[in-house]
Amino acid sequence: MEDPALTPVLVRLIMDSSAPLAGIERLAGEQYAQDSTGFPTVSYERWFDEKHRKLRSQHAWVKLHLMVGTIMHVVTGAKVSGEADCPVLPETLEQTRVYHRVQEVSADKAYLARYNVAAIAEGGAEPFIPFKTGSVDMESPSPHWRKMWCLFQLKADEFLRSYHRRSNVESAIGSIKARCGGLVRSKIAAAQCNKVLAKVLLHNLACVVHAIEKYGIGVAFPLGKATP
């Protein structure tokens, strides 16, 4: 787990383990959602609070970015990184498109950026990311941005109906932490990253088992590099 070379292997296994459920997601509209969550570690960060003149401490966190299918809650793209939420969406979306056809992507306001809207729309999907107060509207040169703005303003019920599928990613996060634990005990950064990804992989395998029992699907994991 302390070997950084294991990280891309785990990411690939997460993508591969989501492949058997692509058909179920396709029948349900191919709607995916993006979010992030933190896993506390046993390490502490300490600093001196100048305002209150006292020493403070808190657990260090490992941040997981993930995209999930909104029916089976399977993780289709994942990255462990300390980055802000917004720049990570194109990467998890690209991972998702390896085995899944994406028609809709929902995410919260933290992901509102023209490059995210463009990354979703240029792949043939519809973005559902709510606008912030003061967001530039129809004056934007981006046709994808203008289209989402019109839907957000003129067809709010339709927009929110798709946007609220985003709550499924929170269900997936809750399931991962309930099944595998929400604490990372390793102190080495590479091991922390790999253990979080291993939790995600275990969650995906549980989703596959659930689909076998509920829908009677046959499972054939991909053995080679897939094409989108």
C-alpha atoms as a PDB file:
ATOM      1  CA  MET A   1       0.000   0.000   0.000  1.00  0.00           C
ATOM      2  CA  GLU A   2       2.974   2.329   0.445  1.00  0.00           C
ATOM      3  CA  ASP A   3       4.019   1.965  -3.201  1.00  0.00           C
ATOM      4  CA  PRO A   4       2.890   4.938  -5.354  1.00  0.00           C
ATOM      5  CA  ALA A   5       2.956   2.627  -8.395  1.00  0.00           C
ATOM      6  CA  LEU A   6      -0.138   0.896  -6.986  1.00  0.00           C
ATOM      7  CA  THR A   7      -2.274   4.048  -7.312  1.00  0.00           C
ATOM      8  CA  PRO A   8      -2.932   3.909 -11.093  1.00  0.00           C
ATOM      9  CA  VAL A   9      -3.594   0.174 -10.787  1.00  0.00           C
ATOM     10  CA  LEU A  10      -6.306   0.774  -8.204  1.00  0.00           C
ATOM     11  CA  VAL A  11      -7.828   3.568 -10.292  1.00  0.00           C
ATOM     12  CA  ARG A  12      -7.956   1.224 -13.282  1.00  0.00           C
ATOM     13  CA  LEU A  13      -9.539  -1.544 -11.189  1.00  0.00           C
ATOM     14  CA  ILE A  14     -12.199   0.900 -10.003  1.00  0.00           C
ATOM     15  CA  MET A  15     -12.989   1.770 -13.613  1.00  0.00           C
ATOM     16  CA  ASP A  16     -13.012  -1.900 -14.653  1.00  0.00           C
ATOM     17  CA  SER A  17     -15.239  -2.905 -11.738  1.00  0.00           C
ATOM     18  CA  SER A  18     -17.850  -0.367 -12.821  1.00  0.00           C
ATOM     19  CA  ALA A  19     -18.058  -1.776 -16.351  1.00  0.00           C
ATOM     20  CA  PRO A  20     -20.565  -4.622 -15.653  1.00  0.00           C
ATOM     21  CA  LEU A  21     -23.100  -2.063 -14.409  1.00  0.00           C
ATOM     22  CA  ALA A  22     -22.941   0.197 -17.464  1.00  0.00           C
ATOM     23  CA  GLY A  23     -25.953  -1.554 -18.968  1.00  0.00           C
ATOM     24  CA  ILE A  24     -28.134  -0.859 -15.927  1.00  0.00           C
ATOM     25  CA  GLU A  25     -27.098   2.787 -15.901  1.00  0.00           C
ATOM     26  CA  ARG A  26     -27.829   2.977 -19.631  1.00  0.00           C
ATOM     27  CA  LEU A  27     -31.399   1.701 -19.169  1.00  0.00           C
ATOM     28  CA  ALA A  28     -31.975   4.319 -16.475  1.00  0.00           C
ATOM     29  CA  GLY A  29     -30.880   7.317 -18.544  1.00  0.00           C
ATOM     30  CA  GLU A  30     -27.089   7.345 -18.158  1.00  0.00           C
ATOM     31  CA  GLN A  31     -27.073  10.031 -15.476  1.00  0.00           C
ATOM     32  CA  TYR A  32     -23.894  10.551 -13.433  1.00  0.00           C
ATOM     33  CA  ALA A  33     -22.979  12.781 -10.513  1.00  0.00           C
ATOM     34  CA  GLN A  34     -19.740  14.300  -9.181  1.00  0.00           C
ATOM     35  CA  ASP A  35     -18.677  15.240  -5.656  1.00  0.00           C
ATOM     36  CA  SER A  36     -15.828  14.925  -3.160  1.00  0.00           C
ATOM     37  CA  THR A  37     -15.418  13.864   0.445  1.00  0.00           C
ATOM     38  CA  GLY A  38     -12.728  13.756   3.124  1.00  0.00           C
ATOM     39  CA  PHE A  39     -11.292  10.843   5.094  1.00  0.00           C
ATOM     40  CA  PRO A  40      -9.615  11.850   8.382  1.00  0.00           C
ATOM     41  CA  THR A  41      -6.223  10.345   9.173  1.00  0.00           C
ATOM     42  CA  VAL A  42      -4.511   9.597  12.469  1.00  0.00           C
ATOM     43  CA  SER A  43      -2.053  12.440  11.840  1.00  0.00           C
ATOM     44  CA  TYR A  44      -2.632  15.883  13.313  1.00  0.00           C
ATOM     45  CA  GLU A  45      -2.032  19.315  11.877  1.00  0.00           C
ATOM     46  CA  ARG A  46      -1.101  21.880  14.526  1.00  0.00           C
ATOM     47  CA  TRP A  47      -0.948  25.648  14.252  1.00  0.00           C
ATOM     48  CA  PHE A  48      -1.002  28.703  16.448  1.00  0.00           C
ATOM     49  CA  ASP A  49      -4.211  30.752  16.232  1.00  0.00           C
ATOM     50  CA  GLU A  50      -3.073  34.389  16.348  1.00  0.00           C
ATOM     51  CA  LYS A  51      -6.599  35.730  16.812  1.00  0.00           C
ATOM     52  CA  HIS A  52      -7.380  33.677  19.913  1.00  0.00           C
ATOM     53  CA  ARG A  53      -3.737  33.297  21.043  1.00  0.00           C
ATOM     54  CA  LYS A  54      -3.893  29.530  21.440  1.00  0.00           C
ATOM     55  CA  LEU A  55      -2.509  26.361  19.878  1.00  0.00           C
ATOM     56  CA  ARG A  56      -5.012  24.466  17.720  1.00  0.00           C
ATOM     57  CA  SER A  57      -4.933  21.057  16.072  1.00  0.00           C
ATOM     58  CA  GLN A  58      -7.070  18.916  13.816  1.00  0.00           C
ATOM     59  CA  HIS A  59      -6.852  15.658  11.929  1.00  0.00           C
ATOM     60  CA  ALA A  60      -5.215  15.814   8.527  1.00  0.00           C
ATOM     61  CA  TRP A  61      -7.568  14.763   5.745  1.00  0.00           C
ATOM     62  CA  VAL A  62      -7.342  12.712   2.564  1.00  0.00           C
ATOM     63  CA  LYS A  63      -9.673  14.033  -0.134  1.00  0.00           C
ATOM     64  CA  LEU A  64     -11.467  11.723  -2.550  1.00  0.00           C
ATOM     65  CA  HIS A  65     -13.024  13.056  -5.766  1.00  0.00           C
ATOM     66  CA  LEU A  66     -15.494  10.685  -7.390  1.00  0.00           C
ATOM     67  CA  MET A  67     -18.111  10.344 -10.110  1.00  0.00           C
ATOM     68  CA  VAL A  68     -20.894   7.782  -9.674  1.00  0.00           C
ATOM     69  CA  GLY A  69     -23.786   6.307 -11.594  1.00  0.00           C
ATOM     70  CA  THR A  70     -26.998   7.563 -10.040  1.00  0.00           C
ATOM     71  CA  ILE A  71     -28.820   4.202 -10.178  1.00  0.00           C
ATOM     72  CA  MET A  72     -26.362   1.650  -8.798  1.00  0.00           C
ATOM     73  CA  HIS A  73     -24.136   4.179  -6.986  1.00  0.00           C
ATOM     74  CA  VAL A  74     -21.102   2.535  -8.558  1.00  0.00           C
ATOM     75  CA  VAL A  75     -17.989   4.734  -8.713  1.00  0.00           C
ATOM     76  CA  THR A  76     -17.007   5.236 -12.346  1.00  0.00           C
ATOM     77  CA  GLY A  77     -14.129   7.691 -11.867  1.00  0.00           C
ATOM     78  CA  ALA A  78     -11.981   8.492  -8.841  1.00  0.00           C
ATOM     79  CA  LYS A  79      -8.987  10.551  -7.808  1.00  0.00           C
ATOM     80  CA  VAL A  80      -7.387  11.135  -4.416  1.00  0.00           C
ATOM     81  CA  SER A  81      -5.965  14.624  -4.380  1.00  0.00           C
ATOM     82  CA  GLY A  82      -5.711  17.757  -2.303  1.00  0.00           C
ATOM     83  CA  GLU A  83      -6.861  19.800  -5.292  1.00  0.00           C
ATOM     84  CA  ALA A  84      -9.938  21.993  -5.257  1.00  0.00           C
ATOM     85  CA  ASP A  85     -13.088  20.298  -6.522  1.00  0.00           C
ATOM     86  CA  CYS A  86     -13.577  22.204  -9.751  1.00  0.00           C
ATOM     87  CA  PRO A  87     -10.473  21.204 -11.779  1.00  0.00           C
ATOM     88  CA  VAL A  88     -10.913  17.455 -11.147  1.00  0.00           C
ATOM     89  CA  LEU A  89     -14.245  16.918 -12.929  1.00  0.00           C
ATOM     90  CA  PRO A  90     -12.830  16.546 -16.476  1.00  0.00           C
ATOM     91  CA  GLU A  91     -10.514  13.759 -15.283  1.00  0.00           C
ATOM     92  CA  THR A  92     -13.188  11.700 -13.508  1.00  0.00           C
ATOM     93  CA  LEU A  93     -15.516  12.293 -16.465  1.00  0.00           C
ATOM     94  CA  GLU A  94     -12.876  10.970 -18.853  1.00  0.00           C
ATOM     95  CA  GLN A  95     -12.472   7.869 -16.681  1.00  0.00           C
ATOM     96  CA  THR A  96     -16.240   7.366 -16.669  1.00  0.00           C
ATOM     97  CA  ARG A  97     -16.499   7.552 -20.453  1.00  0.00           C
ATOM     98  CA  VAL A  98     -14.140   4.606 -20.888  1.00  0.00           C
ATOM     99  CA  TYR A  99     -16.981   2.156 -20.115  1.00  0.00           C
ATOM    100  CA  HIS A 100     -20.085   4.331 -19.774  1.00  0.00           C
ATOM    101  CA  ARG A 101     -22.089   6.461 -22.166  1.00  0.00           C
ATOM    102  CA  VAL A 102     -22.886   9.693 -20.337  1.00  0.00           C
ATOM    103  CA  GLN A 103     -26.066  11.643 -21.071  1.00  0.00           C
ATOM    104  CA  GLU A 104     -26.259  13.876 -17.990  1.00  0.00           C
ATOM    105  CA  VAL A 105     -23.791  15.063 -15.342  1.00  0.00           C
ATOM    106  CA  SER A 106     -24.934  16.820 -12.177  1.00  0.00           C
ATOM    107  CA  ALA A 107     -22.681  18.565  -9.667  1.00  0.00           C
ATOM    108  CA  ASP A 108     -22.971  21.310  -7.071  1.00  0.00           C
ATOM    109  CA  LYS A 109     -21.872  24.932  -7.403  1.00  0.00           C
ATOM    110  CA  ALA A 110     -18.279  24.112  -6.499  1.00  0.00           C
ATOM    111  CA  TYR A 111     -17.913  22.673 -10.013  1.00  0.00           C
ATOM    112  CA  LEU A 112     -19.327  25.665 -11.889  1.00  0.00           C
ATOM    113  CA  ALA A 113     -16.718  26.599 -14.492  1.00  0.00           C
ATOM    114  CA  ARG A 114     -16.834  27.075 -18.229  1.00  0.00           C
ATOM    115  CA  TYR A 115     -14.259  24.339 -18.832  1.00  0.00           C
ATOM    116  CA  ASN A 116     -16.366  21.844 -16.853  1.00  0.00           C
ATOM    117  CA  VAL A 117     -19.530  22.762 -18.741  1.00  0.00           C
ATOM    118  CA  ALA A 118     -17.605  22.453 -22.017  1.00  0.00           C
ATOM    119  CA  ALA A 119     -16.033  19.095 -21.039  1.00  0.00           C
ATOM    120  CA  ILE A 120     -19.471  17.662 -20.316  1.00  0.00           C
ATOM    121  CA  ALA A 121     -21.271  19.146 -23.327  1.00  0.00           C
ATOM    122  CA  GLU A 122     -18.563  18.445 -25.896  1.00  0.00           C
ATOM    123  CA  GLY A 123     -18.825  14.756 -25.049  1.00  0.00           C
ATOM    124  CA  GLY A 124     -22.527  14.784 -25.895  1.00  0.00           C
ATOM    125  CA  ALA A 125     -23.925  15.078 -22.361  1.00  0.00           C
ATOM    126  CA  GLU A 126     -26.026  17.718 -20.604  1.00  0.00           C
ATOM    127  CA  PRO A 127     -24.470  19.548 -17.618  1.00  0.00           C
ATOM    128  CA  PHE A 128     -26.633  20.327 -14.600  1.00  0.00           C
ATOM    129  CA  ILE A 129     -24.610  22.650 -12.364  1.00  0.00           C
ATOM    130  CA  PRO A 130     -26.532  25.448 -10.601  1.00  0.00           C
ATOM    131  CA  PHE A 131     -25.338  29.005 -11.096  1.00  0.00           C
ATOM    132  CA  LYS A 132     -23.960  31.155  -8.314  1.00  0.00           C
ATOM    133  CA  THR A 133     -25.222  34.604  -7.458  1.00  0.00           C
ATOM    134  CA  GLY A 134     -23.550  36.999  -9.869  1.00  0.00           C
ATOM    135  CA  SER A 135     -22.690  34.405 -12.500  1.00  0.00           C
ATOM    136  CA  VAL A 136     -22.384  35.828 -16.013  1.00  0.00           C
ATOM    137  CA  ASP A 137     -25.384  34.788 -18.082  1.00  0.00           C
ATOM    138  CA  MET A 138     -26.233  35.160 -21.753  1.00  0.00           C
ATOM    139  CA  GLU A 139     -23.253  37.400 -22.474  1.00  0.00           C
ATOM    140  CA  SER A 140     -20.944  34.409 -22.240  1.00  0.00           C
ATOM    141  CA  PRO A 141     -19.342  33.428 -25.555  1.00  0.00           C
ATOM    142  CA  SER A 142     -19.786  29.744 -24.677  1.00  0.00           C
ATOM    143  CA  PRO A 143     -22.897  28.204 -26.307  1.00  0.00           C
ATOM    144  CA  HIS A 144     -22.900  25.414 -23.716  1.00  0.00           C
ATOM    145  CA  TRP A 145     -22.887  27.966 -20.886  1.00  0.00           C
ATOM    146  CA  ARG A 146     -25.744  29.925 -22.485  1.00  0.00           C
ATOM    147  CA  LYS A 147     -27.794  26.781 -23.013  1.00  0.00           C
ATOM    148  CA  MET A 148     -27.423  25.730 -19.372  1.00  0.00           C
ATOM    149  CA  TRP A 149     -28.252  29.287 -18.261  1.00  0.00           C
ATOM    150  CA  CYS A 150     -31.488  29.262 -20.282  1.00  0.00           C
ATOM    151  CA  LEU A 151     -32.500  25.911 -18.848  1.00  0.00           C
ATOM    152  CA  PHE A 152     -31.649  27.088 -15.330  1.00  0.00           C
ATOM    153  CA  GLN A 153     -33.675  30.293 -15.710  1.00  0.00           C
ATOM    154  CA  LEU A 154     -36.579  29.297 -17.943  1.00  0.00           C
ATOM    155  CA  LYS A 155     -37.137  25.631 -17.082  1.00  0.00           C
ATOM    156  CA  ALA A 156     -36.152  25.529 -13.441  1.00  0.00           C
ATOM    157  CA  ASP A 157     -38.297  22.492 -12.585  1.00  0.00           C
ATOM    158  CA  GLU A 158     -36.740  20.438 -15.351  1.00  0.00           C
ATOM    159  CA  PHE A 159     -33.249  21.624 -14.397  1.00  0.00           C
ATOM    160  CA  LEU A 160     -33.700  20.838 -10.701  1.00  0.00           C
ATOM    161  CA  ARG A 161     -35.206  17.428 -11.411  1.00  0.00           C
ATOM    162  CA  SER A 162     -31.981  16.360 -13.100  1.00  0.00           C
ATOM    163  CA  TYR A 163     -29.723  18.305 -10.729  1.00  0.00           C
ATOM    164  CA  HIS A 164     -31.156  16.583  -7.666  1.00  0.00           C
ATOM    165  CA  ARG A 165     -29.910  13.246  -8.976  1.00  0.00           C
ATOM    166  CA  ARG A 166     -26.663  14.546  -7.483  1.00  0.00           C
ATOM    167  CA  SER A 167     -27.828  13.350  -4.054  1.00  0.00           C
ATOM    168  CA  ASN A 168     -26.997   9.814  -5.189  1.00  0.00           C
ATOM    169  CA  VAL A 169     -23.287  10.555  -4.980  1.00  0.00           C
ATOM    170  CA  GLU A 170     -23.767  11.415  -1.303  1.00  0.00           C
ATOM    171  CA  SER A 171     -25.468   8.042  -0.843  1.00  0.00           C
ATOM    172  CA  ALA A 172     -22.452   6.364  -2.451  1.00  0.00           C
ATOM    173  CA  ILE A 173     -20.067   8.246  -0.151  1.00  0.00           C
ATOM    174  CA  GLY A 174     -22.122   7.206   2.887  1.00  0.00           C
ATOM    175  CA  SER A 175     -22.070   3.595   1.717  1.00  0.00           C
ATOM    176  CA  ILE A 176     -18.287   3.591   1.237  1.00  0.00           C
ATOM    177  CA  LYS A 177     -17.681   4.956   4.728  1.00  0.00           C
ATOM    178  CA  ALA A 178     -20.265   2.697   6.377  1.00  0.00           C
ATOM    179  CA  ARG A 179     -18.926  -0.435   4.698  1.00  0.00           C
ATOM    180  CA  CYS A 180     -15.182   0.278   4.798  1.00  0.00           C
ATOM    181  CA  GLY A 181     -14.769   2.860   7.554  1.00  0.00           C
ATOM    182  CA  GLY A 182     -14.249   6.584   7.330  1.00  0.00           C
ATOM    183  CA  LEU A 183     -10.797   6.715   8.936  1.00  0.00           C
ATOM    184  CA  VAL A 184      -7.408   6.193   7.270  1.00  0.00           C
ATOM    185  CA  ARG A 185      -4.823   4.890   9.735  1.00  0.00           C
ATOM    186  CA  SER A 186      -1.704   5.054   7.559  1.00  0.00           C
ATOM    187  CA  LYS A 187       0.707   7.956   8.050  1.00  0.00           C
ATOM    188  CA  ILE A 188       2.470   7.680   4.680  1.00  0.00           C
ATOM    189  CA  ALA A 189       0.805   9.738   1.939  1.00  0.00           C
ATOM    190  CA  ALA A 190       0.955   7.020  -0.750  1.00  0.00           C
ATOM    191  CA  ALA A 191      -0.577   4.466   1.607  1.00  0.00           C
ATOM    192  CA  GLN A 192      -3.341   6.890   2.576  1.00  0.00           C
ATOM    193  CA  CYS A 193      -4.203   7.437  -1.071  1.00  0.00           C
ATOM    194  CA  ASN A 194      -4.142   3.727  -1.913  1.00  0.00           C
ATOM    195  CA  LYS A 195      -6.235   2.715   1.085  1.00  0.00           C
ATOM    196  CA  VAL A 196      -8.953   5.205   0.154  1.00  0.00           C
ATOM    197  CA  LEU A 197      -8.962   3.867  -3.410  1.00  0.00           C
ATOM    198  CA  ALA A 198      -9.125   0.305  -2.048  1.00  0.00           C
ATOM    199  CA  LYS A 199     -12.247   1.290  -0.095  1.00  0.00           C
ATOM    200  CA  VAL A 200     -13.807   2.547  -3.326  1.00  0.00           C
ATOM    201  CA  LEU A 201     -12.894  -0.661  -5.140  1.00  0.00           C
ATOM    202  CA  LEU A 202     -14.496  -2.763  -2.398  1.00  0.00           C
ATOM    203  CA  HIS A 203     -17.634  -0.625  -2.637  1.00  0.00           C
ATOM    204  CA  ASN A 204     -17.798  -1.200  -6.400  1.00  0.00           C
ATOM    205  CA  LEU A 205     -17.491  -4.959  -6.002  1.00  0.00           C
ATOM    206  CA  ALA A 206     -20.323  -4.852  -3.471  1.00  0.00           C
ATOM    207  CA  CYS A 207     -22.418  -2.936  -6.045  1.00  0.00           C
ATOM    208  CA  VAL A 208     -21.709  -5.657  -8.617  1.00  0.00           C
ATOM    209  CA  VAL A 209     -22.759  -8.408  -6.177  1.00  0.00           C
ATOM    210  CA  HIS A 210     -25.929  -6.452  -5.395  1.00  0.00           C
ATOM    211  CA  ALA A 211     -26.738  -6.161  -9.116  1.00  0.00           C
ATOM    212  CA  ILE A 212     -26.190  -9.900  -9.605  1.00  0.00           C
ATOM    213  CA  GLU A 213     -28.614 -10.698  -6.791  1.00  0.00           C
ATOM    214  CA  LYS A 214     -31.228  -8.075  -7.692  1.00  0.00           C
ATOM    215  CA  TYR A 215     -31.166  -8.113 -11.496  1.00  0.00           C
ATOM    216  CA  GLY A 216     -29.535 -11.443 -12.268  1.00  0.00           C
ATOM    217  CA  ILE A 217     -26.936  -9.848 -14.536  1.00  0.00           C
ATOM    218  CA  GLY A 218     -24.029 -11.765 -15.930  1.00  0.00           C
ATOM    219  CA  VAL A 219     -20.632 -10.325 -15.070  1.00  0.00           C
ATOM    220  CA  ALA A 220     -17.637 -10.197 -17.389  1.00  0.00           C
ATOM    221  CA  PHE A 221     -14.895  -7.834 -16.299  1.00  0.00           C
ATOM    222  CA  PRO A 222     -12.854  -6.234 -19.110  1.00  0.00           C
ATOM    223  CA  LEU A 223      -9.413  -7.740 -19.563  1.00  0.00           C
ATOM    224  CA  GLY A 224      -7.910  -5.168 -21.904  1.00  0.00           C
ATOM    225  CA  LYS A 225      -7.959  -1.460 -22.505  1.00  0.00           C
ATOM    226  CA  ALA A 226     -11.473  -0.354 -23.379  1.00  0.00           C
ATOM    227  CA  THR A 227     -12.505   2.234 -25.898  1.00  0.00           C
ATOM    228  CA  PRO A 228     -15.076   4.890 -24.970  1.00  0.00           C
END
